[in-house]
Amino acid sequence: MSRLTPFTSPLMLGFDAMEKTLERVARGNDGYPPYNIERVRSSGPDEPERLRITLAVAGFAEDDLDVTIEESQLVIRGRQTETQERDYLHRGIAARQFQRMFVLAEGMEVMKAELRHGLLSVDLIRPEPVRMVKKINILVPE
């Protein structure tokens, strides 16, 4: 029995890579760290839409975090390094590494990333898509 997905439709041509990306993202996110995605109000009608992804990364320093764009994905990685031995009586805050991926639509751009009060905010802009209509000439063999 073959697996049926929305991308197996004969009307969805060339979306194989997107299907694989969505499967990888679905497998890779375990819920840590928690995050919000919000729409940021623009200051003018001609400005593109802005989005902000905010991750709770308490305990991570700027050097422990890595924000990259790989192909069409925003990838945020965190890795804490213990620099000194400590004698914990109770350890409830884990020095846990993570990787969080977000698939970006075509044209999305990262404006900035900012770490403040244990929250990493990544601002993105989504420019208005350019509507394109292209006429295809039909060739008639002689």
N, C-alpha and C. Protein backbone atom coordinates (compact mmCIF):
# COMPACT_ATOMS: atom_id res chain seq x y z
N MET A 1 0.85 -1.18 0.00
CA MET A 1 0.00 0.00 0.00
C MET A 1 0.89 1.24 0.00
N SER A 2 0.62 2.15 -0.91
CA SER A 2 1.44 3.35 -1.00
C SER A 2 0.89 4.42 -0.08
N ARG A 3 1.78 5.30 0.35
CA ARG A 3 1.42 6.38 1.27
C ARG A 3 0.86 7.55 0.47
N LEU A 4 -0.27 8.07 0.90
CA LEU A 4 -0.89 9.21 0.21
C LEU A 4 -0.70 10.47 1.04
N THR A 5 -0.16 11.50 0.41
CA THR A 5 -0.01 12.79 1.06
C THR A 5 -0.58 13.84 0.11
N PRO A 6 -0.80 15.05 0.61
CA PRO A 6 -1.29 16.09 -0.28
C PRO A 6 -0.35 16.35 -1.46
N PHE A 7 0.94 16.05 -1.29
CA PHE A 7 1.92 16.32 -2.32
C PHE A 7 1.94 15.24 -3.40
N THR A 8 1.21 14.14 -3.22
CA THR A 8 1.16 13.10 -4.24
C THR A 8 0.10 13.38 -5.29
N SER A 9 -0.64 14.45 -5.13
CA SER A 9 -1.66 14.82 -6.10
C SER A 9 -0.99 15.16 -7.43
N PRO A 10 -1.58 14.74 -8.55
CA PRO A 10 -0.99 15.08 -9.85
C PRO A 10 -1.05 16.58 -10.14
N LEU A 11 -1.78 17.34 -9.35
CA LEU A 11 -1.85 18.79 -9.54
C LEU A 11 -0.74 19.54 -8.80
N MET A 12 -0.01 18.84 -7.94
CA MET A 12 1.06 19.45 -7.15
C MET A 12 2.40 18.98 -7.71
N LEU A 13 2.90 19.64 -8.72
CA LEU A 13 4.13 19.23 -9.39
C LEU A 13 5.34 19.94 -8.81
N GLY A 14 6.40 19.19 -8.55
CA GLY A 14 7.65 19.78 -8.11
C GLY A 14 7.73 20.12 -6.63
N PHE A 15 6.85 19.57 -5.79
CA PHE A 15 6.85 19.89 -4.37
C PHE A 15 7.51 18.80 -3.53
N ASP A 16 8.29 17.91 -4.16
CA ASP A 16 8.93 16.81 -3.44
C ASP A 16 9.85 17.33 -2.33
N ALA A 17 10.65 18.33 -2.62
CA ALA A 17 11.58 18.87 -1.63
C ALA A 17 10.84 19.48 -0.45
N MET A 18 9.71 20.13 -0.72
CA MET A 18 8.93 20.72 0.37
C MET A 18 8.38 19.63 1.28
N GLU A 19 7.91 18.55 0.70
CA GLU A 19 7.38 17.44 1.50
C GLU A 19 8.46 16.87 2.42
N LYS A 20 9.67 16.69 1.89
CA LYS A 20 10.76 16.17 2.70
C LYS A 20 11.13 17.14 3.81
N THR A 21 11.12 18.43 3.50
CA THR A 21 11.44 19.45 4.50
C THR A 21 10.41 19.43 5.63
N LEU A 22 9.13 19.35 5.29
CA LEU A 22 8.08 19.31 6.31
C LEU A 22 8.20 18.06 7.18
N GLU A 23 8.52 16.93 6.59
CA GLU A 23 8.71 15.71 7.37
C GLU A 23 9.88 15.84 8.34
N ARG A 24 10.99 16.44 7.87
CA ARG A 24 12.17 16.63 8.72
C ARG A 24 11.87 17.58 9.88
N VAL A 25 11.14 18.65 9.60
CA VAL A 25 10.79 19.60 10.65
C VAL A 25 9.87 18.96 11.68
N ALA A 26 8.90 18.18 11.21
CA ALA A 26 7.96 17.53 12.13
C ALA A 26 8.69 16.55 13.05
N ARG A 27 9.69 15.85 12.54
CA ARG A 27 10.45 14.90 13.36
C ARG A 27 11.39 15.61 14.32
N GLY A 28 11.94 16.74 13.92
CA GLY A 28 13.02 17.37 14.67
C GLY A 28 12.61 18.22 15.85
N ASN A 29 11.36 18.57 16.00
CA ASN A 29 10.96 19.48 17.07
C ASN A 29 10.30 18.71 18.21
N ASP A 30 10.96 18.72 19.38
CA ASP A 30 10.43 17.99 20.53
C ASP A 30 9.73 18.88 21.54
N GLY A 31 9.54 20.15 21.22
CA GLY A 31 8.85 21.06 22.15
C GLY A 31 9.79 21.90 22.98
N TYR A 32 11.09 21.68 22.88
CA TYR A 32 12.04 22.46 23.64
C TYR A 32 12.97 23.19 22.69
N PRO A 33 13.20 24.43 22.89
CA PRO A 33 12.59 25.31 23.88
C PRO A 33 11.23 25.80 23.39
N PRO A 34 10.38 26.23 24.32
CA PRO A 34 9.09 26.77 23.89
C PRO A 34 9.28 28.07 23.12
N TYR A 35 8.32 28.37 22.25
CA TYR A 35 8.46 29.57 21.41
C TYR A 35 7.09 30.17 21.11
N ASN A 36 7.11 31.43 20.71
CA ASN A 36 5.94 32.15 20.21
C ASN A 36 6.25 32.66 18.81
N ILE A 37 5.21 32.77 18.00
CA ILE A 37 5.33 33.46 16.71
C ILE A 37 4.24 34.51 16.70
N GLU A 38 4.62 35.75 16.46
CA GLU A 38 3.64 36.83 16.47
C GLU A 38 3.79 37.72 15.25
N ARG A 39 2.70 38.35 14.88
CA ARG A 39 2.71 39.34 13.81
C ARG A 39 2.99 40.68 14.47
N VAL A 40 3.98 41.39 13.94
CA VAL A 40 4.37 42.69 14.49
C VAL A 40 3.71 43.76 13.64
N ARG A 41 3.04 44.67 14.27
CA ARG A 41 2.36 45.73 13.53
C ARG A 41 3.38 46.62 12.82
N SER A 42 3.12 46.88 11.55
CA SER A 42 4.02 47.75 10.80
C SER A 42 3.63 49.20 11.03
N SER A 43 4.60 50.08 10.88
CA SER A 43 4.36 51.49 11.16
C SER A 43 3.75 52.24 9.99
N GLY A 44 3.71 51.63 8.81
CA GLY A 44 3.14 52.30 7.66
C GLY A 44 2.46 51.31 6.73
N PRO A 45 1.56 51.81 5.90
CA PRO A 45 0.83 50.91 5.00
C PRO A 45 1.70 50.30 3.89
N ASP A 46 2.82 50.94 3.59
CA ASP A 46 3.67 50.44 2.51
C ASP A 46 4.77 49.49 3.00
N GLU A 47 4.86 49.29 4.31
CA GLU A 47 5.89 48.42 4.85
C GLU A 47 5.46 46.96 4.73
N PRO A 48 6.41 46.05 4.49
CA PRO A 48 6.06 44.64 4.40
C PRO A 48 5.66 44.09 5.77
N GLU A 49 4.94 42.98 5.75
CA GLU A 49 4.52 42.34 7.00
C GLU A 49 5.74 41.84 7.76
N ARG A 50 5.72 41.99 9.09
CA ARG A 50 6.82 41.53 9.93
C ARG A 50 6.33 40.45 10.87
N LEU A 51 7.16 39.45 11.10
CA LEU A 51 6.87 38.39 12.05
C LEU A 51 8.01 38.33 13.05
N ARG A 52 7.70 37.88 14.28
CA ARG A 52 8.73 37.72 15.30
C ARG A 52 8.59 36.34 15.92
N ILE A 53 9.70 35.60 15.91
CA ILE A 53 9.77 34.31 16.59
C ILE A 53 10.54 34.56 17.88
N THR A 54 9.94 34.19 19.02
CA THR A 54 10.59 34.38 20.31
C THR A 54 10.74 33.03 20.99
N LEU A 55 11.97 32.67 21.33
CA LEU A 55 12.26 31.41 22.01
C LEU A 55 12.71 31.68 23.44
N ALA A 56 12.23 30.85 24.38
CA ALA A 56 12.64 30.95 25.78
C ALA A 56 13.96 30.19 25.93
N VAL A 57 15.05 30.93 26.07
CA VAL A 57 16.38 30.32 26.12
C VAL A 57 17.12 30.75 27.39
N ALA A 58 16.42 30.71 28.53
CA ALA A 58 17.03 31.11 29.80
C ALA A 58 18.26 30.25 30.06
N GLY A 59 19.34 30.90 30.50
CA GLY A 59 20.58 30.19 30.79
C GLY A 59 21.55 30.14 29.62
N PHE A 60 21.08 30.48 28.43
CA PHE A 60 21.97 30.49 27.26
C PHE A 60 22.53 31.89 27.06
N ALA A 61 23.83 31.96 26.81
CA ALA A 61 24.47 33.23 26.48
C ALA A 61 24.49 33.39 24.96
N GLU A 62 24.82 34.57 24.51
CA GLU A 62 24.88 34.84 23.06
C GLU A 62 25.81 33.86 22.35
N ASP A 63 26.94 33.53 22.98
CA ASP A 63 27.90 32.61 22.36
C ASP A 63 27.39 31.17 22.32
N ASP A 64 26.37 30.84 23.11
CA ASP A 64 25.81 29.49 23.13
C ASP A 64 24.77 29.29 22.04
N LEU A 65 24.36 30.35 21.36
CA LEU A 65 23.28 30.30 20.38
C LEU A 65 23.81 30.54 18.97
N ASP A 66 23.17 29.88 18.02
CA ASP A 66 23.56 30.02 16.62
C ASP A 66 22.29 30.12 15.79
N VAL A 67 22.14 31.21 15.04
CA VAL A 67 20.97 31.43 14.18
C VAL A 67 21.47 31.46 12.74
N THR A 68 20.97 30.52 11.91
CA THR A 68 21.41 30.44 10.51
C THR A 68 20.21 30.22 9.60
N ILE A 69 20.43 30.50 8.33
CA ILE A 69 19.46 30.14 7.30
C ILE A 69 20.13 29.08 6.44
N GLU A 70 19.52 27.91 6.38
CA GLU A 70 20.04 26.80 5.60
C GLU A 70 18.98 26.42 4.58
N GLU A 71 19.30 26.66 3.32
CA GLU A 71 18.35 26.49 2.22
C GLU A 71 17.15 27.38 2.53
N SER A 72 15.97 26.83 2.71
CA SER A 72 14.81 27.68 2.99
C SER A 72 14.34 27.50 4.42
N GLN A 73 15.28 27.23 5.34
CA GLN A 73 14.92 27.02 6.73
C GLN A 73 15.70 27.94 7.65
N LEU A 74 15.01 28.47 8.64
CA LEU A 74 15.65 29.20 9.72
C LEU A 74 15.98 28.16 10.78
N VAL A 75 17.25 28.03 11.12
CA VAL A 75 17.70 27.03 12.08
C VAL A 75 18.31 27.75 13.28
N ILE A 76 17.78 27.44 14.48
CA ILE A 76 18.28 28.04 15.71
C ILE A 76 18.80 26.90 16.58
N ARG A 77 20.09 26.99 16.93
CA ARG A 77 20.73 25.95 17.74
C ARG A 77 21.24 26.56 19.02
N GLY A 78 21.17 25.77 20.08
CA GLY A 78 21.72 26.20 21.36
C GLY A 78 22.52 25.08 21.98
N ARG A 79 23.68 25.45 22.50
CA ARG A 79 24.54 24.46 23.16
C ARG A 79 25.25 25.17 24.30
N GLN A 80 24.96 24.74 25.52
CA GLN A 80 25.63 25.30 26.69
C GLN A 80 26.86 24.48 27.01
N THR A 81 27.91 25.17 27.41
CA THR A 81 29.13 24.48 27.81
C THR A 81 29.40 24.80 29.27
N GLU A 82 29.63 23.78 30.04
CA GLU A 82 29.97 23.97 31.45
C GLU A 82 31.46 24.27 31.53
N THR A 83 31.80 25.43 32.07
CA THR A 83 33.20 25.82 32.14
C THR A 83 33.84 25.43 33.46
N GLN A 84 33.03 25.16 34.48
CA GLN A 84 33.61 24.79 35.77
C GLN A 84 32.79 23.69 36.40
N GLU A 85 33.44 22.89 37.21
CA GLU A 85 32.74 21.85 37.95
C GLU A 85 31.97 22.50 39.09
N ARG A 86 30.73 22.06 39.23
CA ARG A 86 29.89 22.56 40.32
C ARG A 86 29.39 21.38 41.12
N ASP A 87 29.16 21.60 42.38
CA ASP A 87 28.63 20.56 43.26
C ASP A 87 27.17 20.88 43.53
N TYR A 88 26.26 20.34 42.68
CA TYR A 88 24.84 20.62 42.79
C TYR A 88 24.21 19.80 43.92
N LEU A 89 23.39 20.44 44.73
CA LEU A 89 22.55 19.74 45.69
C LEU A 89 21.25 19.32 45.02
N HIS A 90 20.81 20.12 44.07
CA HIS A 90 19.65 19.81 43.22
C HIS A 90 19.89 20.47 41.88
N ARG A 91 19.63 19.74 40.82
CA ARG A 91 19.82 20.31 39.49
C ARG A 91 18.51 20.20 38.73
N GLY A 92 17.78 21.31 38.64
CA GLY A 92 16.52 21.36 37.92
C GLY A 92 16.62 22.08 36.59
N ILE A 93 17.70 22.81 36.38
CA ILE A 93 17.93 23.53 35.13
C ILE A 93 18.97 22.76 34.34
N ALA A 94 18.53 22.11 33.29
CA ALA A 94 19.44 21.28 32.51
C ALA A 94 20.23 22.12 31.51
N ALA A 95 21.47 21.76 31.33
CA ALA A 95 22.29 22.37 30.27
C ALA A 95 22.05 21.53 29.02
N ARG A 96 20.94 21.77 28.39
CA ARG A 96 20.46 20.93 27.31
C ARG A 96 20.69 21.61 25.97
N GLN A 97 21.14 20.87 24.99
CA GLN A 97 21.29 21.46 23.65
C GLN A 97 19.98 21.30 22.90
N PHE A 98 19.77 22.15 21.90
CA PHE A 98 18.55 22.07 21.12
C PHE A 98 18.81 22.52 19.70
N GLN A 99 17.88 22.15 18.84
CA GLN A 99 17.85 22.65 17.47
C GLN A 99 16.38 22.84 17.11
N ARG A 100 16.03 24.04 16.70
CA ARG A 100 14.65 24.37 16.33
C ARG A 100 14.68 24.88 14.90
N MET A 101 13.82 24.31 14.03
CA MET A 101 13.81 24.70 12.62
C MET A 101 12.45 25.27 12.24
N PHE A 102 12.48 26.29 11.38
CA PHE A 102 11.28 26.92 10.85
C PHE A 102 11.44 27.01 9.34
N VAL A 103 10.48 26.50 8.60
CA VAL A 103 10.52 26.59 7.15
C VAL A 103 10.07 27.99 6.74
N LEU A 104 10.86 28.65 5.90
CA LEU A 104 10.55 30.00 5.47
C LEU A 104 9.96 29.99 4.06
N ALA A 105 8.93 30.79 3.87
CA ALA A 105 8.36 30.95 2.53
C ALA A 105 9.34 31.72 1.66
N GLU A 106 9.19 31.57 0.38
CA GLU A 106 10.06 32.28 -0.55
C GLU A 106 9.94 33.78 -0.33
N GLY A 107 11.06 34.45 -0.27
CA GLY A 107 11.08 35.91 -0.09
C GLY A 107 11.22 36.34 1.36
N MET A 108 11.05 35.44 2.32
CA MET A 108 11.18 35.80 3.73
C MET A 108 12.65 36.14 4.02
N GLU A 109 12.85 37.19 4.81
CA GLU A 109 14.20 37.63 5.16
C GLU A 109 14.29 37.85 6.66
N VAL A 110 15.43 37.49 7.24
CA VAL A 110 15.67 37.74 8.65
C VAL A 110 16.22 39.16 8.78
N MET A 111 15.54 39.97 9.60
CA MET A 111 15.99 41.34 9.84
C MET A 111 17.04 41.39 10.93
N LYS A 112 16.74 40.73 12.07
CA LYS A 112 17.67 40.77 13.20
C LYS A 112 17.34 39.66 14.18
N ALA A 113 18.31 39.36 15.05
CA ALA A 113 18.12 38.44 16.17
C ALA A 113 18.63 39.16 17.41
N GLU A 114 17.87 39.06 18.50
CA GLU A 114 18.21 39.80 19.71
C GLU A 114 17.95 38.92 20.93
N LEU A 115 18.90 38.92 21.87
CA LEU A 115 18.78 38.16 23.11
C LEU A 115 18.60 39.14 24.26
N ARG A 116 17.47 39.01 24.97
CA ARG A 116 17.19 39.92 26.08
C ARG A 116 16.36 39.20 27.13
N HIS A 117 16.83 39.23 28.37
CA HIS A 117 16.10 38.65 29.51
C HIS A 117 15.74 37.18 29.29
N GLY A 118 16.64 36.41 28.69
CA GLY A 118 16.40 34.99 28.49
C GLY A 118 15.49 34.65 27.32
N LEU A 119 15.17 35.64 26.50
CA LEU A 119 14.33 35.43 25.33
C LEU A 119 15.11 35.80 24.07
N LEU A 120 15.15 34.88 23.12
CA LEU A 120 15.78 35.15 21.83
C LEU A 120 14.68 35.51 20.85
N SER A 121 14.72 36.72 20.31
CA SER A 121 13.73 37.17 19.33
C SER A 121 14.39 37.27 17.97
N VAL A 122 13.75 36.68 16.97
CA VAL A 122 14.22 36.74 15.59
C VAL A 122 13.12 37.41 14.78
N ASP A 123 13.43 38.58 14.20
CA ASP A 123 12.45 39.33 13.41
C ASP A 123 12.62 39.02 11.93
N LEU A 124 11.50 38.77 11.27
CA LEU A 124 11.49 38.43 9.85
C LEU A 124 10.57 39.40 9.13
N ILE A 125 10.85 39.63 7.85
CA ILE A 125 9.93 40.39 7.02
C ILE A 125 9.45 39.49 5.90
N ARG A 126 8.20 39.71 5.54
CA ARG A 126 7.61 38.97 4.43
C ARG A 126 7.15 40.00 3.41
N PRO A 127 7.95 40.24 2.38
CA PRO A 127 7.56 41.21 1.37
C PRO A 127 6.31 40.74 0.63
N GLU A 128 5.57 41.69 0.13
CA GLU A 128 4.39 41.36 -0.68
C GLU A 128 4.83 40.59 -1.91
N PRO A 129 4.17 39.47 -2.19
CA PRO A 129 4.57 38.72 -3.38
C PRO A 129 4.23 39.49 -4.65
N VAL A 130 5.11 39.38 -5.61
CA VAL A 130 4.88 40.04 -6.89
C VAL A 130 4.00 39.11 -7.73
N ARG A 131 2.89 39.62 -8.13
CA ARG A 131 1.99 38.82 -8.95
C ARG A 131 2.53 38.79 -10.37
N MET A 132 2.70 37.58 -10.87
CA MET A 132 3.31 37.44 -12.18
C MET A 132 2.39 36.61 -13.07
N VAL A 133 2.13 37.10 -14.25
CA VAL A 133 1.38 36.36 -15.25
C VAL A 133 2.27 36.30 -16.48
N LYS A 134 2.48 35.09 -16.97
CA LYS A 134 3.36 34.91 -18.12
C LYS A 134 2.61 34.13 -19.18
N LYS A 135 2.53 34.68 -20.34
CA LYS A 135 1.85 34.01 -21.46
C LYS A 135 2.80 33.03 -22.10
N ILE A 136 2.32 31.83 -22.34
CA ILE A 136 3.10 30.79 -22.99
C ILE A 136 2.58 30.62 -24.40
N ASN A 137 3.44 30.80 -25.36
CA ASN A 137 3.04 30.64 -26.77
C ASN A 137 2.89 29.16 -27.10
N ILE A 138 1.88 28.86 -27.87
CA ILE A 138 1.62 27.49 -28.30
C ILE A 138 2.20 27.32 -29.69
N LEU A 139 3.08 26.33 -29.83
CA LEU A 139 3.71 26.05 -31.12
C LEU A 139 2.86 25.05 -31.89
N VAL A 140 2.68 25.32 -33.15
CA VAL A 140 1.95 24.41 -34.03
C VAL A 140 2.93 23.88 -35.08
N PRO A 141 3.20 22.57 -35.08
CA PRO A 141 4.14 22.04 -36.07
C PRO A 141 3.54 22.13 -37.47
N GLU A 142 4.39 22.36 -38.43
CA GLU A 142 3.92 22.49 -39.81
C GLU A 142 3.85 21.17 -40.52
